[in-house]
Protein backbone atom coordinates (compact mmCIF):
# COMPACT_ATOMS: atom_id res chain seq x y z
CA MET A 1 0.00 0.00 0.00
CA MET A 2 1.33 3.46 -0.95
CA SER A 3 1.42 6.12 1.76
CA LEU A 4 -1.51 8.53 1.82
CA PHE A 5 0.11 11.52 3.55
CA SER A 6 3.58 13.03 3.70
CA ASP A 7 3.43 13.51 7.47
CA ARG A 8 0.95 13.99 10.29
CA LEU A 9 0.96 17.79 10.17
CA GLN A 10 -0.05 17.68 6.53
CA ALA A 11 -2.76 15.11 7.29
CA GLY A 12 -4.14 17.44 9.99
CA GLN A 13 -4.19 20.36 7.57
CA GLN A 14 -6.23 18.31 5.10
CA LEU A 15 -8.56 17.02 7.80
CA SER A 16 -9.23 20.50 9.16
CA GLY A 17 -10.93 21.33 5.86
CA SER A 18 -13.71 18.91 6.81
CA LEU A 19 -14.14 20.66 10.17
CA LYS A 20 -14.58 24.24 8.98
CA GLU A 21 -18.03 24.54 10.58
CA TYR A 22 -16.31 24.47 13.99
CA ALA A 23 -13.79 27.24 13.25
CA GLY A 24 -13.66 30.18 15.63
CA ARG A 25 -16.11 28.75 18.16
CA HIS A 26 -15.15 29.26 21.79
CA ASP A 27 -16.72 25.98 22.93
CA ILE A 28 -14.39 23.73 20.91
CA ILE A 29 -11.54 21.74 22.45
CA VAL A 30 -9.30 19.54 20.31
CA LEU A 31 -8.02 16.46 22.17
CA ALA A 32 -5.11 14.49 20.72
CA LEU A 33 -4.36 10.84 21.43
CA PRO A 34 -0.56 10.77 21.90
CA ARG A 35 1.70 10.37 20.42
CA GLY A 36 0.80 10.07 16.74
CA GLY A 37 -2.40 12.08 17.04
CA VAL A 38 -0.65 15.17 18.45
CA PRO A 39 0.72 16.75 15.23
CA VAL A 40 -2.56 15.95 13.45
CA ALA A 41 -4.53 17.64 16.24
CA TYR A 42 -2.06 20.54 16.38
CA SER A 43 -2.79 21.40 12.73
CA ILE A 44 -6.53 21.13 13.33
CA ALA A 45 -6.52 23.27 16.49
CA LYS A 46 -4.43 25.94 14.79
CA THR A 47 -6.73 26.08 11.78
CA LEU A 48 -9.91 26.15 13.90
CA HIS A 49 -8.40 28.60 16.43
CA ALA A 50 -9.22 26.12 19.21
CA ALA A 51 -7.59 24.98 22.43
CA LEU A 52 -5.46 21.83 22.26
CA ASP A 53 -4.89 19.18 24.90
CA VAL A 54 -3.98 15.48 25.07
CA PHE A 55 -5.96 12.50 26.34
CA LEU A 56 -3.93 9.48 27.32
CA VAL A 57 -4.97 6.04 26.07
CA GLY A 58 -2.64 3.07 25.66
CA LYS A 59 -2.88 0.08 23.35
CA LEU A 60 -2.73 -3.34 25.00
CA GLY A 61 -0.55 -5.47 22.74
CA VAL A 62 -0.70 -9.22 22.36
CA PRO A 63 2.39 -10.75 24.05
CA GLY A 64 5.01 -11.42 21.40
CA HIS A 65 2.92 -9.57 18.81
CA GLU A 66 2.69 -6.11 20.38
CA ASP A 67 1.52 -4.42 17.16
CA LEU A 68 -1.66 -6.50 17.39
CA ALA A 69 -4.10 -4.93 19.85
CA LEU A 70 -6.06 -7.05 22.28
CA GLY A 71 -7.59 -3.85 23.66
CA ALA A 72 -6.82 -0.44 25.09
CA ILE A 73 -6.91 1.37 28.43
CA SER A 74 -7.37 5.06 29.25
CA SER A 75 -5.68 7.10 31.96
CA ARG A 76 -9.02 6.96 33.81
CA GLY A 77 -8.74 3.15 33.91
CA VAL A 78 -11.48 2.51 31.35
CA CYS A 79 -10.52 -0.68 29.48
CA VAL A 80 -11.88 -1.88 26.13
CA LEU A 81 -10.98 -5.44 25.15
CA ARG A 82 -11.18 -7.39 21.87
CA PRO A 83 -12.67 -10.77 22.88
CA GLU A 84 -12.13 -12.26 19.41
CA THR A 85 -8.40 -11.46 19.49
CA ILE A 86 -8.06 -12.74 23.07
CA ALA A 87 -9.79 -16.00 22.13
CA LEU A 88 -7.84 -16.44 18.91
CA MET A 89 -4.48 -15.91 20.63
CA ASP A 90 -5.56 -17.83 23.75
CA ILE A 91 -4.42 -15.09 26.16
CA PRO A 92 -5.08 -15.87 29.84
CA VAL A 93 -6.84 -13.39 32.09
CA ASP A 94 -3.82 -12.88 34.39
CA ALA A 95 -1.66 -11.96 31.38
CA ILE A 96 -4.23 -9.36 30.29
CA ASP A 97 -4.30 -7.89 33.82
CA ALA A 98 -0.50 -7.67 33.87
CA ILE A 99 -0.41 -5.96 30.46
CA ALA A 100 -3.14 -3.50 31.48
CA HIS A 101 -1.42 -2.57 34.77
CA LYS A 102 1.92 -2.05 33.01
CA GLU A 103 0.35 0.15 30.34
CA LEU A 104 -1.60 2.16 32.91
CA ARG A 105 1.64 2.93 34.80
CA GLU A 106 3.21 4.18 31.57
CA ILE A 107 0.14 6.28 30.75
CA LYS A 108 0.23 7.89 34.19
CA ARG A 109 3.94 8.69 33.74
CA ARG A 110 3.31 10.36 30.39
CA GLU A 111 0.29 12.22 31.74
CA ARG A 112 2.43 13.72 34.50
CA ALA A 113 5.07 14.71 31.92
CA TYR A 114 2.59 16.29 29.50
CA HIS A 115 0.45 18.06 32.07
CA GLY A 116 3.42 19.23 34.06
CA ILE A 117 3.34 22.18 31.65
CA ARG A 118 -0.22 23.12 32.59
CA PRO A 119 -3.32 21.38 33.95
CA SER A 120 -5.63 19.50 31.61
CA LEU A 121 -8.44 21.51 30.03
CA ASP A 122 -12.02 21.58 31.26
CA ILE A 123 -14.18 19.65 28.77
CA GLU A 124 -17.51 19.61 30.61
CA GLY A 125 -20.22 20.91 28.26
CA ARG A 126 -17.72 21.48 25.44
CA VAL A 127 -17.69 20.15 21.91
CA VAL A 128 -14.66 17.85 21.99
CA ILE A 129 -12.91 16.85 18.77
CA VAL A 130 -10.88 13.72 19.51
CA VAL A 131 -8.03 13.21 17.04
CA ASP A 132 -5.68 10.34 16.24
CA ASP A 133 -3.39 9.72 13.28
CA GLY A 134 -5.41 6.69 12.15
CA LEU A 135 -7.54 3.74 13.24
CA VAL A 136 -6.88 0.08 12.53
CA THR A 137 -8.94 -1.78 15.14
CA GLY A 138 -10.34 1.39 16.71
CA ALA A 139 -9.88 -0.01 20.25
CA THR A 140 -7.74 2.91 21.42
CA MET A 141 -10.21 5.53 20.20
CA LEU A 142 -13.14 3.55 21.60
CA ALA A 143 -11.53 3.49 25.04
CA ALA A 144 -10.92 7.25 24.81
CA VAL A 145 -14.53 7.97 23.80
CA ARG A 146 -15.98 5.85 26.61
CA ALA A 147 -13.65 7.40 29.18
CA LEU A 148 -14.48 10.93 27.99
CA ARG A 149 -18.20 10.32 28.49
CA HIS A 150 -17.52 10.28 32.24
CA GLU A 151 -16.37 13.93 31.98
CA HIS A 152 -19.70 15.09 30.50
CA PRO A 153 -18.72 16.85 27.26
CA GLY A 154 -21.49 18.45 25.22
CA GLN A 155 -20.57 16.45 22.12
CA ILE A 156 -17.82 14.06 21.15
CA ILE A 157 -16.56 14.20 17.58
CA VAL A 158 -13.89 11.87 16.22
CA ALA A 159 -11.57 13.11 13.46
CA VAL A 160 -8.91 10.94 11.84
CA PRO A 161 -7.07 11.11 8.51
CA VAL A 162 -7.43 7.38 7.81
CA ALA A 163 -9.36 4.41 9.24
CA THR A 164 -10.67 0.97 8.45
CA ALA A 165 -14.34 0.58 7.63
CA GLU A 166 -14.75 -1.76 10.62
CA SER A 167 -13.39 0.76 13.11
CA ILE A 168 -15.62 3.49 11.68
CA ALA A 169 -18.74 1.35 11.90
CA GLU A 170 -18.08 0.58 15.57
CA LEU A 171 -17.28 4.17 16.55
CA GLU A 172 -20.14 5.87 14.73
CA ALA A 173 -22.59 4.29 17.18
CA GLU A 174 -20.73 5.89 20.10
CA VAL A 175 -20.01 9.47 18.96
CA ASP A 176 -21.96 12.47 17.72
CA ALA A 177 -20.03 12.73 14.45
CA LEU A 178 -17.04 11.13 12.76
CA PHE A 179 -14.80 12.69 10.10
CA CYS A 180 -12.36 10.60 8.08
CA LEU A 181 -10.50 11.40 4.85
CA GLN A 182 -9.41 7.95 3.67
CA VAL A 183 -10.89 4.49 4.17
CA PRO A 184 -8.52 1.97 2.57
CA GLU A 185 -9.63 -1.62 2.05
CA TRP A 186 -6.86 -2.81 4.34
CA ILE A 187 -4.34 -1.30 6.79
CA ALA A 188 -1.62 -3.29 8.54
CA SER A 189 -0.47 -0.31 10.63
CA VAL A 190 -1.11 3.43 10.78
CA GLY A 191 2.58 4.15 10.08
CA GLN A 192 2.33 2.74 6.58
CA CYS A 193 -0.09 5.56 5.68
CA TYR A 194 2.66 8.20 6.08
CA ASP A 195 5.89 8.90 4.20
CA GLU A 196 7.28 9.83 7.62
CA PRO A 197 6.07 6.83 9.63
CA GLY A 198 7.49 7.61 13.09
CA SER A 199 5.40 9.24 15.84
CA PRO A 200 6.75 12.23 17.79
CA ASP A 201 8.60 11.48 21.03
CA ASP A 202 7.60 12.85 24.43
CA ALA A 203 9.76 15.96 24.08
CA GLN A 204 8.11 16.81 20.76
CA VAL A 205 4.65 16.27 22.22
CA ILE A 206 5.46 18.69 25.03
CA GLN A 207 6.72 21.21 22.48
CA TYR A 208 3.49 20.97 20.48
CA LEU A 209 1.49 21.61 23.65
CA GLN A 210 3.67 24.59 24.58
CA ASN A 211 3.22 26.08 21.10
CA ALA A 212 -0.54 25.45 21.06
CA SER A 213 -1.29 28.59 23.06
CA ASP A 214 0.26 30.84 20.41
CA TRP A 215 -3.04 31.46 18.58
CA LEU A 216 -5.19 31.90 21.70
CA SER A 217 -5.61 35.13 23.65
CA GLU A 218 -4.97 35.13 27.37
CA GLY A 219 -8.72 35.22 28.01
CA GLU A 220 -9.34 32.25 25.70
CA GLN A 221 -6.66 30.26 27.51
CA GLU A 222 -8.28 31.10 30.86
CA VAL A 223 -11.71 29.92 29.64
CA ALA A 224 -10.28 26.68 28.17
CA SER A 225 -8.51 25.86 31.43
CA GLY A 226 -11.63 26.47 33.51
CA ARG A 227 -10.11 29.40 35.38
CA LEU A 228 -12.74 31.70 33.84
CA PRO A 229 -16.42 30.73 33.58
CA TYR A 230 -17.60 29.18 30.33
CA ALA A 231 -21.04 29.87 28.86
CA PRO A 232 -22.20 27.00 26.62
CA VAL A 233 -23.54 27.81 23.18
CA ASN A 234 -25.98 25.86 21.09
CA ALA A 235 -24.06 23.33 18.99
CA PRO A 236 -24.96 22.94 15.31
CA ALA A 237 -26.97 19.95 14.17
CA VAL A 238 -24.73 17.05 13.27
CA GLY A 239 -25.13 15.80 9.71
CA PRO A 240 -23.69 12.84 7.87
CA SER A 241 -20.04 12.06 8.44
CA PRO A 242 -18.17 13.28 5.35
CA GLY A 243 -15.48 11.16 3.78
CA VAL A 244 -16.84 7.89 5.16
């Protein structure tokens, strides 16, 4: 399969064109799933003039085949498992528990590193656009969406440059809208969709977050962080998901 995008920033620029209806609205927060989703989300947040933050979710890899996901876990401890993969690979329950606990420790470490810059943003009542660099099984995004529901956003919108049809079908039932540019017949890994396959490291993620306040006024940053009161606005009606 030929790559679809030169890099993740370019993919985010293209994807932001599908999200123009949300541009300039003060109730929008763009949430990136690190690490690959961060540059995609950075481009979108900059184009929409929206606040950017990260939401930590980790893939649970099959032992010995870590690229194959048996599920995912969020920093809030919400776990989404793939029973068919677990059954096919005959993975015992205690092994799954060990993998989940190890991944949760790593997520908590990264969360402390990323939010050491500033506290996480207040998403209650907001329209949250959750961004990743692509979906193969969709387990990671599904765990993120289900965990975010506990924080009472006004709407949850998923935006990705590329995804499998199966992951889209599962997620559409759980979100208010889904935007996707490319739906290939088959994807082995998200990295193969980019000329520059590697994800940013932790230092680069932190740099993106530090730069993400450049287009927001001081007052907008205060509202996004929850330090100033936020007045909800009526969100537009959600139509069909373009590009799917």
